[in-house]
Amino acid sequence: MDHLNLEDIPIGDLGFLKHLASLSGASMARELLMSAPEAVVKEIDLIKLAIENQDSDELKNACHALRGACYSVQVRRLADMARKVEKVASNIPKAKELIPALELISHETFAWWKTVLDEDLIEN
C-alpha cells in the first residue's frame, strides 16, 4: 500500500458505519463516532510525546494504539498514516517529519465524522 497516495485511500467507510448502526442501533453508532475524536487526539498526543522523549518503543505503541482506534470506526486514511509513522519509529527525526501530515489527516477525519453525524448518515 506504500505506493498509493494517501488521497487514494478513503477517509472513512460510511458503509461500515451504516452496517454497525444496523447491528447495534444508530444511537450506539453515533456514540462510538462521537467518542472517536477524543481517542484520536489522545493517541496523537502520545505520539508527539514519544517523539519529544526520543522513545521509539513508546512511539510504536502509540502508533499501534492509534491504528486500533482508527480501525474500530474504519477510518482508513488516518490508520494508514499512523502505520507510516509506526514504520519509521526507529528514526525519530523521520517520524517527526510525518506529524504535520498525521495531524492534517486527523482534522480531515474529524470533519468527515462531523458530516456523518450532522447529516445523520448512519440512521438504521
C-alpha atoms as a PDB file:
ATOM      1  CA  MET A   1       0.000   0.000   0.000  1.00  0.00           C
ATOM      2  CA  ASP A   2       3.040   2.317   0.264  1.00  0.00           C
ATOM      3  CA  HIS A   3       2.839   3.092  -3.452  1.00  0.00           C
ATOM      4  CA  LEU A   4      -0.567   4.759  -3.028  1.00  0.00           C
ATOM      5  CA  ASN A   5      -1.037   8.404  -2.207  1.00  0.00           C
ATOM      6  CA  LEU A   6      -2.986   8.877   0.981  1.00  0.00           C
ATOM      7  CA  GLU A   7      -5.590  10.751  -1.056  1.00  0.00           C
ATOM      8  CA  ASP A   8      -6.268   7.457  -2.861  1.00  0.00           C
ATOM      9  CA  ILE A   9      -7.405   5.928   0.430  1.00  0.00           C
ATOM     10  CA  PRO A  10     -10.916   6.860   1.573  1.00  0.00           C
ATOM     11  CA  ILE A  11     -11.095   8.886   4.783  1.00  0.00           C
ATOM     12  CA  GLY A  12     -13.669   6.535   6.228  1.00  0.00           C
ATOM     13  CA  ASP A  13     -16.133   3.814   5.406  1.00  0.00           C
ATOM     14  CA  LEU A  14     -19.709   5.043   5.591  1.00  0.00           C
ATOM     15  CA  GLY A  15     -20.967   1.584   4.623  1.00  0.00           C
ATOM     16  CA  PHE A  16     -19.258   0.138   7.698  1.00  0.00           C
ATOM     17  CA  LEU A  17     -20.871   2.757   9.944  1.00  0.00           C
ATOM     18  CA  LYS A  18     -24.294   2.079   8.432  1.00  0.00           C
ATOM     19  CA  HIS A  19     -23.783  -1.659   8.939  1.00  0.00           C
ATOM     20  CA  LEU A  20     -22.696  -1.031  12.524  1.00  0.00           C
ATOM     21  CA  ALA A  21     -25.835   1.075  13.064  1.00  0.00           C
ATOM     22  CA  SER A  22     -27.995  -1.700  11.623  1.00  0.00           C
ATOM     23  CA  LEU A  23     -26.461  -4.171  14.098  1.00  0.00           C
ATOM     24  CA  SER A  24     -26.201  -2.044  17.229  1.00  0.00           C
ATOM     25  CA  GLY A  25     -28.593   0.821  16.572  1.00  0.00           C
ATOM     26  CA  ALA A  26     -27.949   4.285  15.250  1.00  0.00           C
ATOM     27  CA  SER A  27     -27.590   5.811  18.717  1.00  0.00           C
ATOM     28  CA  MET A  28     -24.829   3.355  19.635  1.00  0.00           C
ATOM     29  CA  ALA A  29     -23.015   4.002  16.346  1.00  0.00           C
ATOM     30  CA  ARG A  30     -23.329   7.761  16.930  1.00  0.00           C
ATOM     31  CA  GLU A  31     -21.912   7.413  20.452  1.00  0.00           C
ATOM     32  CA  LEU A  32     -18.938   5.481  19.130  1.00  0.00           C
ATOM     33  CA  LEU A  33     -18.350   8.095  16.455  1.00  0.00           C
ATOM     34  CA  MET A  34     -18.703  10.961  18.909  1.00  0.00           C
ATOM     35  CA  SER A  35     -16.100   9.440  21.237  1.00  0.00           C
ATOM     36  CA  ALA A  36     -13.593   8.678  18.469  1.00  0.00           C
ATOM     37  CA  PRO A  37     -12.047  12.167  18.104  1.00  0.00           C
ATOM     38  CA  GLU A  38     -11.061  12.232  21.770  1.00  0.00           C
ATOM     39  CA  ALA A  39      -9.322   8.859  21.406  1.00  0.00           C
ATOM     40  CA  VAL A  40      -7.504  10.044  18.279  1.00  0.00           C
ATOM     41  CA  VAL A  41      -6.331  13.264  19.953  1.00  0.00           C
ATOM     42  CA  LYS A  42      -5.101  11.280  22.966  1.00  0.00           C
ATOM     43  CA  GLU A  43      -3.071   8.906  20.808  1.00  0.00           C
ATOM     44  CA  ILE A  44      -1.619  11.703  18.662  1.00  0.00           C
ATOM     45  CA  ASP A  45      -0.577  13.493  21.852  1.00  0.00           C
ATOM     46  CA  LEU A  46       1.147  10.281  22.991  1.00  0.00           C
ATOM     47  CA  ILE A  47       2.860  10.003  19.592  1.00  0.00           C
ATOM     48  CA  LYS A  48       4.168  13.559  19.889  1.00  0.00           C
ATOM     49  CA  LEU A  49       5.294  12.939  23.475  1.00  0.00           C
ATOM     50  CA  ALA A  50       7.177   9.807  22.423  1.00  0.00           C
ATOM     51  CA  ILE A  51       8.914  11.794  19.691  1.00  0.00           C
ATOM     52  CA  GLU A  52       9.759  14.563  22.147  1.00  0.00           C
ATOM     53  CA  ASN A  53      11.173  11.942  24.535  1.00  0.00           C
ATOM     54  CA  GLN A  54      13.034  10.203  21.689  1.00  0.00           C
ATOM     55  CA  ASP A  55      11.355   6.932  22.684  1.00  0.00           C
ATOM     56  CA  SER A  56      10.956   4.638  19.679  1.00  0.00           C
ATOM     57  CA  ASP A  57       9.196   1.894  21.641  1.00  0.00           C
ATOM     58  CA  GLU A  58       6.566   4.258  23.013  1.00  0.00           C
ATOM     59  CA  LEU A  59       6.193   5.767  19.551  1.00  0.00           C
ATOM     60  CA  LYS A  60       5.476   2.326  18.098  1.00  0.00           C
ATOM     61  CA  ASN A  61       2.987   1.593  20.881  1.00  0.00           C
ATOM     62  CA  ALA A  62       1.155   4.907  20.434  1.00  0.00           C
ATOM     63  CA  CYS A  63       1.005   4.478  16.652  1.00  0.00           C
ATOM     64  CA  HIS A  64      -0.305   0.956  17.079  1.00  0.00           C
ATOM     65  CA  ALA A  65      -2.974   2.185  19.510  1.00  0.00           C
ATOM     66  CA  LEU A  66      -3.979   4.937  17.085  1.00  0.00           C
ATOM     67  CA  ARG A  67      -4.309   2.395  14.297  1.00  0.00           C
ATOM     68  CA  GLY A  68      -6.552   0.279  16.518  1.00  0.00           C
ATOM     69  CA  ALA A  69      -8.754   3.261  17.338  1.00  0.00           C
ATOM     70  CA  CYS A  70      -8.973   4.089  13.636  1.00  0.00           C
ATOM     71  CA  TYR A  71      -9.863   0.580  12.593  1.00  0.00           C
ATOM     72  CA  SER A  72     -12.621   0.379  15.207  1.00  0.00           C
ATOM     73  CA  VAL A  73     -14.503   3.027  13.200  1.00  0.00           C
ATOM     74  CA  GLN A  74     -12.898   2.229   9.832  1.00  0.00           C
ATOM     75  CA  VAL A  75     -11.060   5.477   9.133  1.00  0.00           C
ATOM     76  CA  ARG A  76      -8.503   4.007   6.810  1.00  0.00           C
ATOM     77  CA  ARG A  77      -6.563   7.100   5.720  1.00  0.00           C
ATOM     78  CA  LEU A  78      -5.654   8.042   9.286  1.00  0.00           C
ATOM     79  CA  ALA A  79      -4.859   4.413  10.112  1.00  0.00           C
ATOM     80  CA  ASP A  80      -2.539   4.229   7.128  1.00  0.00           C
ATOM     81  CA  MET A  81      -0.770   7.431   8.144  1.00  0.00           C
ATOM     82  CA  ALA A  82      -0.308   6.051  11.664  1.00  0.00           C
ATOM     83  CA  ARG A  83       1.148   2.911  10.081  1.00  0.00           C
ATOM     84  CA  LYS A  84       3.635   5.050   8.158  1.00  0.00           C
ATOM     85  CA  VAL A  85       4.767   6.784  11.351  1.00  0.00           C
ATOM     86  CA  GLU A  86       4.990   3.437  13.147  1.00  0.00           C
ATOM     87  CA  LYS A  87       7.098   2.041  10.320  1.00  0.00           C
ATOM     88  CA  VAL A  88       9.768   4.739  10.848  1.00  0.00           C
ATOM     89  CA  ALA A  89       9.546   4.787  14.652  1.00  0.00           C
ATOM     90  CA  SER A  90      13.202   3.850  15.000  1.00  0.00           C
ATOM     91  CA  ASN A  91      14.090   7.042  13.095  1.00  0.00           C
ATOM     92  CA  ILE A  92      12.687   9.762  15.358  1.00  0.00           C
ATOM     93  CA  PRO A  93      13.591  12.702  13.045  1.00  0.00           C
ATOM     94  CA  LYS A  94      11.794  10.992  10.142  1.00  0.00           C
ATOM     95  CA  ALA A  95       8.781  10.248  12.331  1.00  0.00           C
ATOM     96  CA  LYS A  96       8.713  13.882  13.451  1.00  0.00           C
ATOM     97  CA  GLU A  97       8.558  14.983   9.802  1.00  0.00           C
ATOM     98  CA  LEU A  98       5.340  12.970   9.390  1.00  0.00           C
ATOM     99  CA  ILE A  99       3.475  14.569  12.306  1.00  0.00           C
ATOM    100  CA  PRO A 100       2.050  17.539  10.339  1.00  0.00           C
ATOM    101  CA  ALA A 101       0.532  15.116   7.802  1.00  0.00           C
ATOM    102  CA  LEU A 102      -0.811  12.943  10.624  1.00  0.00           C
ATOM    103  CA  GLU A 103      -2.449  15.963  12.234  1.00  0.00           C
ATOM    104  CA  LEU A 104      -3.864  17.194   8.922  1.00  0.00           C
ATOM    105  CA  ILE A 105      -5.424  13.814   8.203  1.00  0.00           C
ATOM    106  CA  SER A 106      -6.841  13.686  11.718  1.00  0.00           C
ATOM    107  CA  HIS A 107      -8.567  17.039  11.128  1.00  0.00           C
ATOM    108  CA  GLU A 108      -9.926  15.806   7.785  1.00  0.00           C
ATOM    109  CA  THR A 109     -11.209  12.741   9.611  1.00  0.00           C
ATOM    110  CA  PHE A 110     -12.885  14.870  12.299  1.00  0.00           C
ATOM    111  CA  ALA A 111     -14.590  16.909   9.567  1.00  0.00           C
ATOM    112  CA  TRP A 112     -15.780  13.708   7.874  1.00  0.00           C
ATOM    113  CA  TRP A 113     -17.155  12.365  11.162  1.00  0.00           C
ATOM    114  CA  LYS A 114     -18.937  15.685  11.769  1.00  0.00           C
ATOM    115  CA  THR A 115     -20.541  15.463   8.322  1.00  0.00           C
ATOM    116  CA  VAL A 116     -21.671  11.906   9.011  1.00  0.00           C
ATOM    117  CA  LEU A 117     -23.221  12.984  12.320  1.00  0.00           C
ATOM    118  CA  ASP A 118     -24.650  16.320  11.144  1.00  0.00           C
ATOM    119  CA  GLU A 119     -26.282  14.828   8.093  1.00  0.00           C
ATOM    120  CA  ASP A 120     -27.493  11.824  10.067  1.00  0.00           C
ATOM    121  CA  LEU A 121     -25.931   9.460   7.565  1.00  0.00           C
ATOM    122  CA  ILE A 122     -25.860   6.463   9.896  1.00  0.00           C
ATOM    123  CA  GLU A 123     -29.560   6.002  10.512  1.00  0.00           C
ATOM    124  CA  ASN A 124     -30.676   2.403  10.722  1.00  0.00           C
END
